[in-house]
Amino acid sequence: MALVTTKKMFEKAFAGNYSIGAFNINNMEIVQAIVDACKKQNSAVILQVSKSAFNYMRPQYLKHLVDAAVEESGLDIALHLDHGADFEICKTCIEAGFTSVMFDGSHFDYEENVAKTKEIVDYAHARGVVVEAELGKLAGVEDEVKVAAEGATYTDPDQALDFVKRTGVDSLAIAIGTSHGAYKFKGEAKLDFDRLATITEKLEAAGFHNYPIVLHGASSVDQNAVATCNEFGGQIKGAKGIPVEMLRKASSMAVCKINMDTDIRLAMTAAVRKSLAEKPEAFDPRGYLGEARKDIEAMVEKKITDVLGSANSMND
């Protein structure tokens, strides 16, 4: 068994009207929890890391840990760089054995984004690695991504088609109203599904059949996890995410990959806070990290069944 690319995953996801979960990993317990949940639901999965997580876990530890997950589970697993900021980090991850990288050039002007994305696509494709890029800007804060609400811009459908044509990128992250971090909305959540449909139609008409779209900033920010964090000493007030029914609708359309990071962080933090508060005498990390692993696993299972629809995708 070996890591796979996302290409076949997305082909099956598009045909089956579901999405593959892309879950950010930071340590062994998170990897195990995600993979155990996917095993129970017989689902393919994307394990992804930001540049800061890549440095935190260290490349050799990270790669061997994910290889162990593939060997132990028998699942289709892709290892993906999330929000690569430049050619060098993408190149480093490709050389480290990643099967997919994202270049986020959304902060550059359009022509520069096109040029830089094309450079990375050419390098990656020559080495059998697929590339995701981003067009439009999501608001919010998560690791290196920091965009003020007034700086957010939705993806222009005509520009999306031009971008895919000129770069050859394998999947495209678009901005239709999602947001990074735990504080996604002050009022009611709203996703621009008409924009998503228009982008898909334009790509299809131009010959990009079943082209995979990606949603970033798509954690639903589970209110039970938020409440548990706050009950046991946290100060996560007013956190609000994407409603599950909106994410499920996106999964039934052209969205083949949905990114979730905040929900994992909240589940882990809530479990650790609760465990230490209820057992103040405890100091064995296997105790509170074990509780976190259990809660993350349950959360990921629920994402697969209620949001992604990817259960039994290994049988497709």
C-alpha atoms as a PDB file:
ATOM      1  CA  MET A   1       0.000   0.000   0.000  1.00  0.00           C
ATOM      2  CA  ALA A   2       1.123   3.533  -0.740  1.00  0.00           C
ATOM      3  CA  LEU A   3      -0.210   7.056  -0.623  1.00  0.00           C
ATOM      4  CA  VAL A   4      -2.452   7.986  -3.531  1.00  0.00           C
ATOM      5  CA  THR A   5      -3.171  11.207  -5.395  1.00  0.00           C
ATOM      6  CA  THR A   6      -6.566  12.868  -5.195  1.00  0.00           C
ATOM      7  CA  LYS A   7      -7.282  12.414  -8.917  1.00  0.00           C
ATOM      8  CA  LYS A   8      -9.255   9.147  -8.724  1.00  0.00           C
ATOM      9  CA  MET A   9     -10.794  10.191  -5.398  1.00  0.00           C
ATOM     10  CA  PHE A  10     -12.275  13.292  -7.002  1.00  0.00           C
ATOM     11  CA  GLU A  11     -13.476  11.463 -10.111  1.00  0.00           C
ATOM     12  CA  LYS A  12     -15.461   9.077  -7.929  1.00  0.00           C
ATOM     13  CA  ALA A  13     -16.652  11.845  -5.624  1.00  0.00           C
ATOM     14  CA  PHE A  14     -17.990  13.938  -8.509  1.00  0.00           C
ATOM     15  CA  ALA A  15     -19.798  10.944 -10.011  1.00  0.00           C
ATOM     16  CA  GLY A  16     -21.249   9.974  -6.622  1.00  0.00           C
ATOM     17  CA  ASN A  17     -22.274  13.503  -5.535  1.00  0.00           C
ATOM     18  CA  TYR A  18     -20.169  13.439  -2.378  1.00  0.00           C
ATOM     19  CA  SER A  19     -16.997  15.079  -1.075  1.00  0.00           C
ATOM     20  CA  ILE A  20     -13.762  13.769   0.370  1.00  0.00           C
ATOM     21  CA  GLY A  21     -12.837  15.165   3.765  1.00  0.00           C
ATOM     22  CA  ALA A  22      -9.515  17.003   3.987  1.00  0.00           C
ATOM     23  CA  PHE A  23      -8.584  17.060   7.662  1.00  0.00           C
ATOM     24  CA  ASN A  24      -5.607  18.966   9.055  1.00  0.00           C
ATOM     25  CA  ILE A  25      -3.216  16.946  11.180  1.00  0.00           C
ATOM     26  CA  ASN A  26      -0.809  18.078  13.891  1.00  0.00           C
ATOM     27  CA  ASN A  27       0.121  14.988  15.908  1.00  0.00           C
ATOM     28  CA  MET A  28      -0.235  11.207  16.168  1.00  0.00           C
ATOM     29  CA  GLU A  29      -3.542  11.208  18.018  1.00  0.00           C
ATOM     30  CA  ILE A  30      -5.211  13.351  15.359  1.00  0.00           C
ATOM     31  CA  VAL A  31      -3.933  11.094  12.557  1.00  0.00           C
ATOM     32  CA  GLN A  32      -5.132   7.981  14.362  1.00  0.00           C
ATOM     33  CA  ALA A  33      -8.538   9.457  15.155  1.00  0.00           C
ATOM     34  CA  ILE A  34      -9.199  10.551  11.562  1.00  0.00           C
ATOM     35  CA  VAL A  35      -8.039   7.264  10.065  1.00  0.00           C
ATOM     36  CA  ASP A  36      -9.952   5.140  12.604  1.00  0.00           C
ATOM     37  CA  ALA A  37     -13.137   7.051  11.763  1.00  0.00           C
ATOM     38  CA  CYS A  38     -12.537   6.566   8.045  1.00  0.00           C
ATOM     39  CA  LYS A  39     -11.930   2.848   8.569  1.00  0.00           C
ATOM     40  CA  LYS A  40     -15.276   2.526  10.338  1.00  0.00           C
ATOM     41  CA  GLN A  41     -17.024   4.313   7.480  1.00  0.00           C
ATOM     42  CA  ASN A  42     -14.880   2.749   4.726  1.00  0.00           C
ATOM     43  CA  SER A  43     -14.039   6.206   3.414  1.00  0.00           C
ATOM     44  CA  ALA A  44     -11.100   7.581   1.477  1.00  0.00           C
ATOM     45  CA  VAL A  45      -9.483  10.593   3.120  1.00  0.00           C
ATOM     46  CA  ILE A  46      -7.042  13.460   2.610  1.00  0.00           C
ATOM     47  CA  LEU A  47      -4.623  14.210   5.448  1.00  0.00           C
ATOM     48  CA  GLN A  48      -3.267  17.713   5.069  1.00  0.00           C
ATOM     49  CA  VAL A  49      -0.794  19.987   6.794  1.00  0.00           C
ATOM     50  CA  SER A  50      -0.099  23.701   6.714  1.00  0.00           C
ATOM     51  CA  LYS A  51       3.505  24.904   6.522  1.00  0.00           C
ATOM     52  CA  SER A  52       3.530  25.516  10.286  1.00  0.00           C
ATOM     53  CA  ALA A  53       2.192  22.000  10.966  1.00  0.00           C
ATOM     54  CA  PHE A  54       4.784  20.589   8.548  1.00  0.00           C
ATOM     55  CA  ASN A  55       7.523  22.261  10.584  1.00  0.00           C
ATOM     56  CA  TYR A  56       5.922  21.353  13.927  1.00  0.00           C
ATOM     57  CA  MET A  57       5.598  17.642  13.106  1.00  0.00           C
ATOM     58  CA  ARG A  58       8.937  17.550  11.203  1.00  0.00           C
ATOM     59  CA  PRO A  59       8.989  16.008   7.712  1.00  0.00           C
ATOM     60  CA  GLN A  60      10.389  12.573   8.542  1.00  0.00           C
ATOM     61  CA  TYR A  61       8.056  11.986  11.499  1.00  0.00           C
ATOM     62  CA  LEU A  62       5.083  13.245   9.501  1.00  0.00           C
ATOM     63  CA  LYS A  63       5.712  11.079   6.441  1.00  0.00           C
ATOM     64  CA  HIS A  64       6.356   7.889   8.421  1.00  0.00           C
ATOM     65  CA  LEU A  65       3.291   8.471  10.565  1.00  0.00           C
ATOM     66  CA  VAL A  66       1.076   8.871   7.491  1.00  0.00           C
ATOM     67  CA  ASP A  67       2.729   5.872   5.808  1.00  0.00           C
ATOM     68  CA  ALA A  68       1.889   3.840   8.925  1.00  0.00           C
ATOM     69  CA  ALA A  69      -1.732   4.975   8.648  1.00  0.00           C
ATOM     70  CA  VAL A  70      -1.861   3.755   5.034  1.00  0.00           C
ATOM     71  CA  GLU A  71      -0.272   0.409   5.929  1.00  0.00           C
ATOM     72  CA  GLU A  72      -2.473  -0.173   8.968  1.00  0.00           C
ATOM     73  CA  SER A  73      -5.774   0.948   7.452  1.00  0.00           C
ATOM     74  CA  GLY A  74      -5.619  -0.146   3.817  1.00  0.00           C
ATOM     75  CA  LEU A  75      -7.511   3.041   2.905  1.00  0.00           C
ATOM     76  CA  ASP A  76      -6.921   5.401   0.012  1.00  0.00           C
ATOM     77  CA  ILE A  77      -5.070   8.274   1.713  1.00  0.00           C
ATOM     78  CA  ALA A  78      -3.589  11.359   0.083  1.00  0.00           C
ATOM     79  CA  LEU A  79      -1.035  13.572   1.836  1.00  0.00           C
ATOM     80  CA  HIS A  80      -1.625  17.206   0.961  1.00  0.00           C
ATOM     81  CA  LEU A  81       0.030  20.563   1.601  1.00  0.00           C
ATOM     82  CA  ASP A  82      -2.568  23.123   2.678  1.00  0.00           C
ATOM     83  CA  HIS A  83      -1.995  26.781   1.698  1.00  0.00           C
ATOM     84  CA  GLY A  84       1.515  26.563   0.323  1.00  0.00           C
ATOM     85  CA  ALA A  85       2.665  30.159   0.055  1.00  0.00           C
ATOM     86  CA  ASP A  86       5.480  29.779  -2.477  1.00  0.00           C
ATOM     87  CA  PHE A  87       7.316  27.471  -4.859  1.00  0.00           C
ATOM     88  CA  GLU A  88       9.872  26.413  -2.261  1.00  0.00           C
ATOM     89  CA  ILE A  89       7.428  24.943   0.283  1.00  0.00           C
ATOM     90  CA  CYS A  90       5.574  23.151  -2.508  1.00  0.00           C
ATOM     91  CA  LYS A  91       8.858  21.747  -3.833  1.00  0.00           C
ATOM     92  CA  THR A  92       9.918  20.690  -0.319  1.00  0.00           C
ATOM     93  CA  CYS A  93       6.669  18.801   0.237  1.00  0.00           C
ATOM     94  CA  ILE A  94       6.802  17.131  -3.163  1.00  0.00           C
ATOM     95  CA  GLU A  95      10.336  15.956  -2.420  1.00  0.00           C
ATOM     96  CA  ALA A  96       9.168  14.737   1.010  1.00  0.00           C
ATOM     97  CA  GLY A  97       6.646  12.400  -0.619  1.00  0.00           C
ATOM     98  CA  PHE A  98       3.405  14.392  -0.635  1.00  0.00           C
ATOM     99  CA  THR A  99       0.976  13.310  -3.350  1.00  0.00           C
ATOM    100  CA  SER A 100      -0.842  16.654  -3.543  1.00  0.00           C
ATOM    101  CA  VAL A 101       0.052  20.288  -2.891  1.00  0.00           C
ATOM    102  CA  MET A 102      -1.930  23.496  -2.756  1.00  0.00           C
ATOM    103  CA  PHE A 103      -0.406  26.721  -3.917  1.00  0.00           C
ATOM    104  CA  ASP A 104      -2.287  29.695  -2.515  1.00  0.00           C
ATOM    105  CA  GLY A 105      -1.506  32.664  -4.724  1.00  0.00           C
ATOM    106  CA  SER A 106      -4.795  34.400  -3.970  1.00  0.00           C
ATOM    107  CA  HIS A 107      -2.960  37.292  -2.307  1.00  0.00           C
ATOM    108  CA  PHE A 108      -1.107  38.094  -5.539  1.00  0.00           C
ATOM    109  CA  ASP A 109      -2.645  40.018  -8.421  1.00  0.00           C
ATOM    110  CA  TYR A 110      -4.330  37.780 -10.973  1.00  0.00           C
ATOM    111  CA  GLU A 111      -1.563  37.532 -13.570  1.00  0.00           C
ATOM    112  CA  GLU A 112       1.064  36.788 -10.937  1.00  0.00           C
ATOM    113  CA  ASN A 113      -1.176  34.103  -9.421  1.00  0.00           C
ATOM    114  CA  VAL A 114      -1.529  32.518 -12.873  1.00  0.00           C
ATOM    115  CA  ALA A 115       2.228  32.564 -13.529  1.00  0.00           C
ATOM    116  CA  LYS A 116       3.253  31.211 -10.129  1.00  0.00           C
ATOM    117  CA  THR A 117       0.569  28.518 -10.184  1.00  0.00           C
ATOM    118  CA  LYS A 118       1.636  27.377 -13.661  1.00  0.00           C
ATOM    119  CA  GLU A 119       5.247  27.069 -12.509  1.00  0.00           C
ATOM    120  CA  ILE A 120       4.237  24.803  -9.617  1.00  0.00           C
ATOM    121  CA  VAL A 121       1.831  22.770 -11.780  1.00  0.00           C
ATOM    122  CA  ASP A 122       4.600  22.067 -14.303  1.00  0.00           C
ATOM    123  CA  TYR A 123       7.031  21.009 -11.566  1.00  0.00           C
ATOM    124  CA  ALA A 124       4.483  18.852  -9.743  1.00  0.00           C
ATOM    125  CA  HIS A 125       3.002  17.128 -12.791  1.00  0.00           C
ATOM    126  CA  ALA A 126       6.468  16.092 -13.940  1.00  0.00           C
ATOM    127  CA  ARG A 127       6.736  14.208 -10.656  1.00  0.00           C
ATOM    128  CA  GLY A 128       3.265  12.658 -10.566  1.00  0.00           C
ATOM    129  CA  VAL A 129       1.887  15.097  -7.973  1.00  0.00           C
ATOM    130  CA  VAL A 130      -1.428  16.941  -8.346  1.00  0.00           C
ATOM    131  CA  VAL A 131      -1.975  20.623  -7.587  1.00  0.00           C
ATOM    132  CA  GLU A 132      -4.785  22.651  -6.044  1.00  0.00           C
ATOM    133  CA  ALA A 133      -4.867  26.434  -6.343  1.00  0.00           C
ATOM    134  CA  GLU A 134      -7.081  29.219  -5.018  1.00  0.00           C
ATOM    135  CA  LEU A 135      -8.926  32.019  -6.742  1.00  0.00           C
ATOM    136  CA  GLY A 136     -10.752  34.611  -4.664  1.00  0.00           C
ATOM    137  CA  LYS A 137      -9.984  35.406  -1.033  1.00  0.00           C
ATOM    138  CA  LEU A 138     -11.543  33.869   2.076  1.00  0.00           C
ATOM    139  CA  ALA A 139     -11.788  36.007   5.182  1.00  0.00           C
ATOM    140  CA  GLY A 140     -10.590  34.758   8.565  1.00  0.00           C
ATOM    141  CA  VAL A 141      -7.502  33.600  10.432  1.00  0.00           C
ATOM    142  CA  GLU A 142      -5.973  30.138  10.452  1.00  0.00           C
ATOM    143  CA  ASP A 143      -2.226  29.495  10.752  1.00  0.00           C
ATOM    144  CA  GLU A 144      -0.530  31.657   8.077  1.00  0.00           C
ATOM    145  CA  VAL A 145      -3.844  32.682   6.480  1.00  0.00           C
ATOM    146  CA  LYS A 146      -4.981  36.115   7.683  1.00  0.00           C
ATOM    147  CA  VAL A 147      -7.521  38.058   5.619  1.00  0.00           C
ATOM    148  CA  ALA A 148      -9.727  40.812   7.020  1.00  0.00           C
ATOM    149  CA  ALA A 149     -13.424  40.647   6.155  1.00  0.00           C
ATOM    150  CA  GLU A 150     -13.158  43.735   3.955  1.00  0.00           C
ATOM    151  CA  GLY A 151     -10.351  42.042   1.999  1.00  0.00           C
ATOM    152  CA  ALA A 152     -12.401  38.976   1.082  1.00  0.00           C
ATOM    153  CA  THR A 153     -13.456  38.616  -2.555  1.00  0.00           C
ATOM    154  CA  TYR A 154     -15.709  36.029  -4.197  1.00  0.00           C
ATOM    155  CA  THR A 155     -14.388  34.029  -7.154  1.00  0.00           C
ATOM    156  CA  ASP A 156     -15.269  35.441 -10.568  1.00  0.00           C
ATOM    157  CA  PRO A 157     -16.643  32.609 -12.795  1.00  0.00           C
ATOM    158  CA  ASP A 158     -15.071  33.886 -16.019  1.00  0.00           C
ATOM    159  CA  GLN A 159     -11.741  34.320 -14.286  1.00  0.00           C
ATOM    160  CA  ALA A 160     -12.025  30.789 -12.855  1.00  0.00           C
ATOM    161  CA  LEU A 161     -12.334  29.318 -16.341  1.00  0.00           C
ATOM    162  CA  ASP A 162      -9.413  31.378 -17.654  1.00  0.00           C
ATOM    163  CA  PHE A 163      -7.316  30.397 -14.636  1.00  0.00           C
ATOM    164  CA  VAL A 164      -7.906  26.651 -15.086  1.00  0.00           C
ATOM    165  CA  LYS A 165      -7.195  26.887 -18.829  1.00  0.00           C
ATOM    166  CA  ARG A 166      -3.933  28.752 -18.406  1.00  0.00           C
ATOM    167  CA  THR A 167      -2.484  26.935 -15.386  1.00  0.00           C
ATOM    168  CA  GLY A 168      -3.584  23.312 -15.883  1.00  0.00           C
ATOM    169  CA  VAL A 169      -4.317  23.110 -12.153  1.00  0.00           C
ATOM    170  CA  ASP A 170      -6.072  19.883 -11.064  1.00  0.00           C
ATOM    171  CA  SER A 171      -8.605  21.381  -8.631  1.00  0.00           C
ATOM    172  CA  LEU A 172      -9.671  24.876  -7.678  1.00  0.00           C
ATOM    173  CA  ALA A 173     -10.484  26.324  -4.259  1.00  0.00           C
ATOM    174  CA  ILE A 174     -13.117  29.007  -4.679  1.00  0.00           C
ATOM    175  CA  ALA A 175     -14.561  31.714  -2.452  1.00  0.00           C
ATOM    176  CA  ILE A 176     -18.357  31.578  -2.169  1.00  0.00           C
ATOM    177  CA  GLY A 177     -18.810  32.739   1.436  1.00  0.00           C
ATOM    178  CA  THR A 178     -16.892  30.314   3.667  1.00  0.00           C
ATOM    179  CA  SER A 179     -14.293  31.678   6.084  1.00  0.00           C
ATOM    180  CA  HIS A 180     -11.236  30.475   7.970  1.00  0.00           C
ATOM    181  CA  GLY A 181     -11.161  30.044  11.744  1.00  0.00           C
ATOM    182  CA  ALA A 182     -13.813  29.661  14.457  1.00  0.00           C
ATOM    183  CA  TYR A 183     -15.505  33.039  13.949  1.00  0.00           C
ATOM    184  CA  LYS A 184     -16.911  32.724  10.439  1.00  0.00           C
ATOM    185  CA  PHE A 185     -20.129  34.723  10.729  1.00  0.00           C
ATOM    186  CA  LYS A 186     -21.654  37.439  12.875  1.00  0.00           C
ATOM    187  CA  GLY A 187     -25.099  37.138  11.305  1.00  0.00           C
ATOM    188  CA  GLU A 188     -26.647  34.375   9.234  1.00  0.00           C
ATOM    189  CA  ALA A 189     -24.413  32.148   7.136  1.00  0.00           C
ATOM    190  CA  LYS A 190     -24.845  32.419   3.386  1.00  0.00           C
ATOM    191  CA  LEU A 191     -23.076  30.536   0.628  1.00  0.00           C
ATOM    192  CA  ASP A 192     -23.354  31.623  -2.997  1.00  0.00           C
ATOM    193  CA  PHE A 193     -24.503  28.360  -4.586  1.00  0.00           C
ATOM    194  CA  ASP A 194     -25.456  30.151  -7.805  1.00  0.00           C
ATOM    195  CA  ARG A 195     -21.828  31.223  -8.193  1.00  0.00           C
ATOM    196  CA  LEU A 196     -20.685  27.644  -7.581  1.00  0.00           C
ATOM    197  CA  ALA A 197     -23.121  26.367 -10.217  1.00  0.00           C
ATOM    198  CA  THR A 198     -22.040  29.011 -12.735  1.00  0.00           C
ATOM    199  CA  ILE A 199     -18.347  28.179 -12.292  1.00  0.00           C
ATOM    200  CA  THR A 200     -19.086  24.482 -12.789  1.00  0.00           C
ATOM    201  CA  GLU A 201     -21.219  25.125 -15.884  1.00  0.00           C
ATOM    202  CA  LYS A 202     -18.552  27.290 -17.500  1.00  0.00           C
ATOM    203  CA  LEU A 203     -15.854  24.693 -16.858  1.00  0.00           C
ATOM    204  CA  GLU A 204     -18.051  21.893 -18.198  1.00  0.00           C
ATOM    205  CA  ALA A 205     -18.950  23.848 -21.333  1.00  0.00           C
ATOM    206  CA  ALA A 206     -15.256  24.480 -22.001  1.00  0.00           C
ATOM    207  CA  GLY A 207     -14.460  20.756 -21.837  1.00  0.00           C
ATOM    208  CA  PHE A 208     -13.354  20.478 -18.200  1.00  0.00           C
ATOM    209  CA  HIS A 209     -15.648  17.544 -17.471  1.00  0.00           C
ATOM    210  CA  ASN A 210     -16.515  16.940 -13.805  1.00  0.00           C
ATOM    211  CA  TYR A 211     -13.922  19.475 -12.673  1.00  0.00           C
ATOM    212  CA  PRO A 212     -13.332  19.240  -8.878  1.00  0.00           C
ATOM    213  CA  ILE A 213     -14.040  22.314  -6.769  1.00  0.00           C
ATOM    214  CA  VAL A 214     -12.660  22.739  -3.229  1.00  0.00           C
ATOM    215  CA  LEU A 215     -14.153  24.501  -0.207  1.00  0.00           C
ATOM    216  CA  HIS A 216     -11.787  25.945   2.380  1.00  0.00           C
ATOM    217  CA  GLY A 217     -12.881  27.337   5.737  1.00  0.00           C
ATOM    218  CA  ALA A 218     -15.672  24.780   5.950  1.00  0.00           C
ATOM    219  CA  SER A 219     -15.741  23.733   9.603  1.00  0.00           C
ATOM    220  CA  SER A 220     -19.230  23.844  11.092  1.00  0.00           C
ATOM    221  CA  VAL A 221     -17.798  24.883  14.506  1.00  0.00           C
ATOM    222  CA  ASP A 222     -19.665  22.353  16.648  1.00  0.00           C
ATOM    223  CA  GLN A 223     -21.468  24.241  19.382  1.00  0.00           C
ATOM    224  CA  ASN A 224     -21.203  21.330  21.831  1.00  0.00           C
ATOM    225  CA  ALA A 225     -17.410  21.455  21.578  1.00  0.00           C
ATOM    226  CA  VAL A 226     -17.464  25.240  21.987  1.00  0.00           C
ATOM    227  CA  ALA A 227     -19.708  24.912  25.063  1.00  0.00           C
ATOM    228  CA  THR A 228     -17.444  22.271  26.607  1.00  0.00           C
ATOM    229  CA  CYS A 229     -14.362  24.436  26.035  1.00  0.00           C
ATOM    230  CA  ASN A 230     -16.060  27.381  27.719  1.00  0.00           C
ATOM    231  CA  GLU A 231     -17.461  25.292  30.556  1.00  0.00           C
ATOM    232  CA  PHE A 232     -14.002  24.120  31.508  1.00  0.00           C
ATOM    233  CA  GLY A 233     -12.126  27.410  31.387  1.00  0.00           C
ATOM    234  CA  GLY A 234     -12.097  28.360  27.718  1.00  0.00           C
ATOM    235  CA  GLN A 235     -12.990  31.750  26.298  1.00  0.00           C
ATOM    236  CA  ILE A 236     -14.347  30.908  22.859  1.00  0.00           C
ATOM    237  CA  LYS A 237     -17.292  33.278  22.742  1.00  0.00           C
ATOM    238  CA  GLY A 238     -19.457  33.809  19.676  1.00  0.00           C
ATOM    239  CA  ALA A 239     -17.770  31.152  17.526  1.00  0.00           C
ATOM    240  CA  LYS A 240     -19.927  30.271  14.529  1.00  0.00           C
ATOM    241  CA  GLY A 241     -19.357  28.049  11.519  1.00  0.00           C
ATOM    242  CA  ILE A 242     -20.945  26.806   8.285  1.00  0.00           C
ATOM    243  CA  PRO A 243     -24.306  25.042   8.809  1.00  0.00           C
ATOM    244  CA  VAL A 244     -24.147  21.320   8.075  1.00  0.00           C
ATOM    245  CA  GLU A 245     -26.985  21.447   5.549  1.00  0.00           C
ATOM    246  CA  MET A 246     -25.094  24.032   3.465  1.00  0.00           C
ATOM    247  CA  LEU A 247     -21.978  21.870   3.399  1.00  0.00           C
ATOM    248  CA  ARG A 248     -24.030  18.825   2.425  1.00  0.00           C
ATOM    249  CA  LYS A 249     -25.558  20.779  -0.458  1.00  0.00           C
ATOM    250  CA  ALA A 250     -22.096  21.820  -1.641  1.00  0.00           C
ATOM    251  CA  SER A 251     -21.010  18.165  -1.481  1.00  0.00           C
ATOM    252  CA  SER A 252     -23.906  17.191  -3.738  1.00  0.00           C
ATOM    253  CA  MET A 253     -22.750  19.713  -6.333  1.00  0.00           C
ATOM    254  CA  ALA A 254     -19.258  20.078  -7.810  1.00  0.00           C
ATOM    255  CA  VAL A 255     -17.420  20.336  -4.489  1.00  0.00           C
ATOM    256  CA  CYS A 256     -15.222  17.239  -4.195  1.00  0.00           C
ATOM    257  CA  LYS A 257     -12.998  18.310  -1.279  1.00  0.00           C
ATOM    258  CA  ILE A 258     -14.041  20.016   1.940  1.00  0.00           C
ATOM    259  CA  ASN A 259     -11.367  21.298   4.331  1.00  0.00           C
ATOM    260  CA  MET A 260     -11.868  21.013   8.086  1.00  0.00           C
ATOM    261  CA  ASP A 261      -9.333  22.167  10.655  1.00  0.00           C
ATOM    262  CA  THR A 262     -11.099  24.268  13.272  1.00  0.00           C
ATOM    263  CA  ASP A 263     -13.544  21.466  14.156  1.00  0.00           C
ATOM    264  CA  ILE A 264     -10.624  19.142  14.946  1.00  0.00           C
ATOM    265  CA  ARG A 265      -8.930  21.780  17.109  1.00  0.00           C
ATOM    266  CA  LEU A 266     -12.139  22.433  19.018  1.00  0.00           C
ATOM    267  CA  ALA A 267     -12.872  18.737  19.577  1.00  0.00           C
ATOM    268  CA  MET A 268      -9.354  18.128  20.848  1.00  0.00           C
ATOM    269  CA  THR A 269      -9.245  21.183  23.109  1.00  0.00           C
ATOM    270  CA  ALA A 270     -12.686  20.473  24.560  1.00  0.00           C
ATOM    271  CA  ALA A 271     -11.742  16.887  25.409  1.00  0.00           C
ATOM    272  CA  VAL A 272      -8.421  17.847  26.992  1.00  0.00           C
ATOM    273  CA  ARG A 273      -9.950  20.671  29.054  1.00  0.00           C
ATOM    274  CA  LYS A 274     -12.760  18.425  30.287  1.00  0.00           C
ATOM    275  CA  SER A 275     -10.453  15.519  31.122  1.00  0.00           C
ATOM    276  CA  LEU A 276      -7.999  17.633  33.117  1.00  0.00           C
ATOM    277  CA  ALA A 277     -10.771  19.522  34.914  1.00  0.00           C
ATOM    278  CA  GLU A 278     -12.531  16.325  35.956  1.00  0.00           C
ATOM    279  CA  LYS A 279      -9.280  14.620  36.985  1.00  0.00           C
ATOM    280  CA  PRO A 280      -7.042  17.394  38.307  1.00  0.00           C
ATOM    281  CA  GLU A 281      -4.744  14.821  39.877  1.00  0.00           C
ATOM    282  CA  ALA A 282      -3.976  13.227  36.488  1.00  0.00           C
ATOM    283  CA  PHE A 283      -0.725  13.882  34.652  1.00  0.00           C
ATOM    284  CA  ASP A 284      -0.495  10.947  32.226  1.00  0.00           C
ATOM    285  CA  PRO A 285      -0.831  12.448  28.729  1.00  0.00           C
ATOM    286  CA  ARG A 286      -2.218   9.168  27.431  1.00  0.00           C
ATOM    287  CA  GLY A 287      -5.302   9.841  29.516  1.00  0.00           C
ATOM    288  CA  TYR A 288      -6.301  13.267  28.222  1.00  0.00           C
ATOM    289  CA  LEU A 289      -4.891  12.744  24.723  1.00  0.00           C
ATOM    290  CA  GLY A 290      -6.735   9.427  24.570  1.00  0.00           C
ATOM    291  CA  GLU A 291      -9.982  11.244  25.351  1.00  0.00           C
ATOM    292  CA  ALA A 292      -9.186  13.767  22.631  1.00  0.00           C
ATOM    293  CA  ARG A 293      -8.521  10.994  20.118  1.00  0.00           C
ATOM    294  CA  LYS A 294     -11.862   9.371  20.939  1.00  0.00           C
ATOM    295  CA  ASP A 295     -13.808  12.633  20.516  1.00  0.00           C
ATOM    296  CA  ILE A 296     -12.063  13.555  17.257  1.00  0.00           C
ATOM    297  CA  GLU A 297     -12.847  10.106  15.873  1.00  0.00           C
ATOM    298  CA  ALA A 298     -16.544  10.526  16.700  1.00  0.00           C
ATOM    299  CA  MET A 299     -16.568  13.995  15.155  1.00  0.00           C
ATOM    300  CA  VAL A 300     -14.934  12.823  11.911  1.00  0.00           C
ATOM    301  CA  GLU A 301     -17.367   9.919  11.633  1.00  0.00           C
ATOM    302  CA  LYS A 302     -20.236  12.372  11.914  1.00  0.00           C
ATOM    303  CA  LYS A 303     -18.685  14.562   9.210  1.00  0.00           C
ATOM    304  CA  ILE A 304     -18.501  11.559   6.878  1.00  0.00           C
ATOM    305  CA  THR A 305     -22.126  10.560   7.408  1.00  0.00           C
ATOM    306  CA  ASP A 306     -23.807  13.973   7.801  1.00  0.00           C
ATOM    307  CA  VAL A 307     -21.724  16.313   5.633  1.00  0.00           C
ATOM    308  CA  LEU A 308     -19.414  14.593   3.188  1.00  0.00           C
ATOM    309  CA  GLY A 309     -21.463  11.554   2.173  1.00  0.00           C
ATOM    310  CA  SER A 310     -18.235   9.630   1.536  1.00  0.00           C
ATOM    311  CA  ALA A 311     -19.071   6.476   3.528  1.00  0.00           C
ATOM    312  CA  ASN A 312     -18.182   3.324   1.552  1.00  0.00           C
ATOM    313  CA  SER A 313     -16.309   5.373  -1.054  1.00  0.00           C
ATOM    314  CA  MET A 314     -13.621   2.690  -0.922  1.00  0.00           C
ATOM    315  CA  ASN A 315     -16.153   0.389  -2.612  1.00  0.00           C
ATOM    316  CA  ASP A 316     -16.809   2.701  -5.568  1.00  0.00           C
END
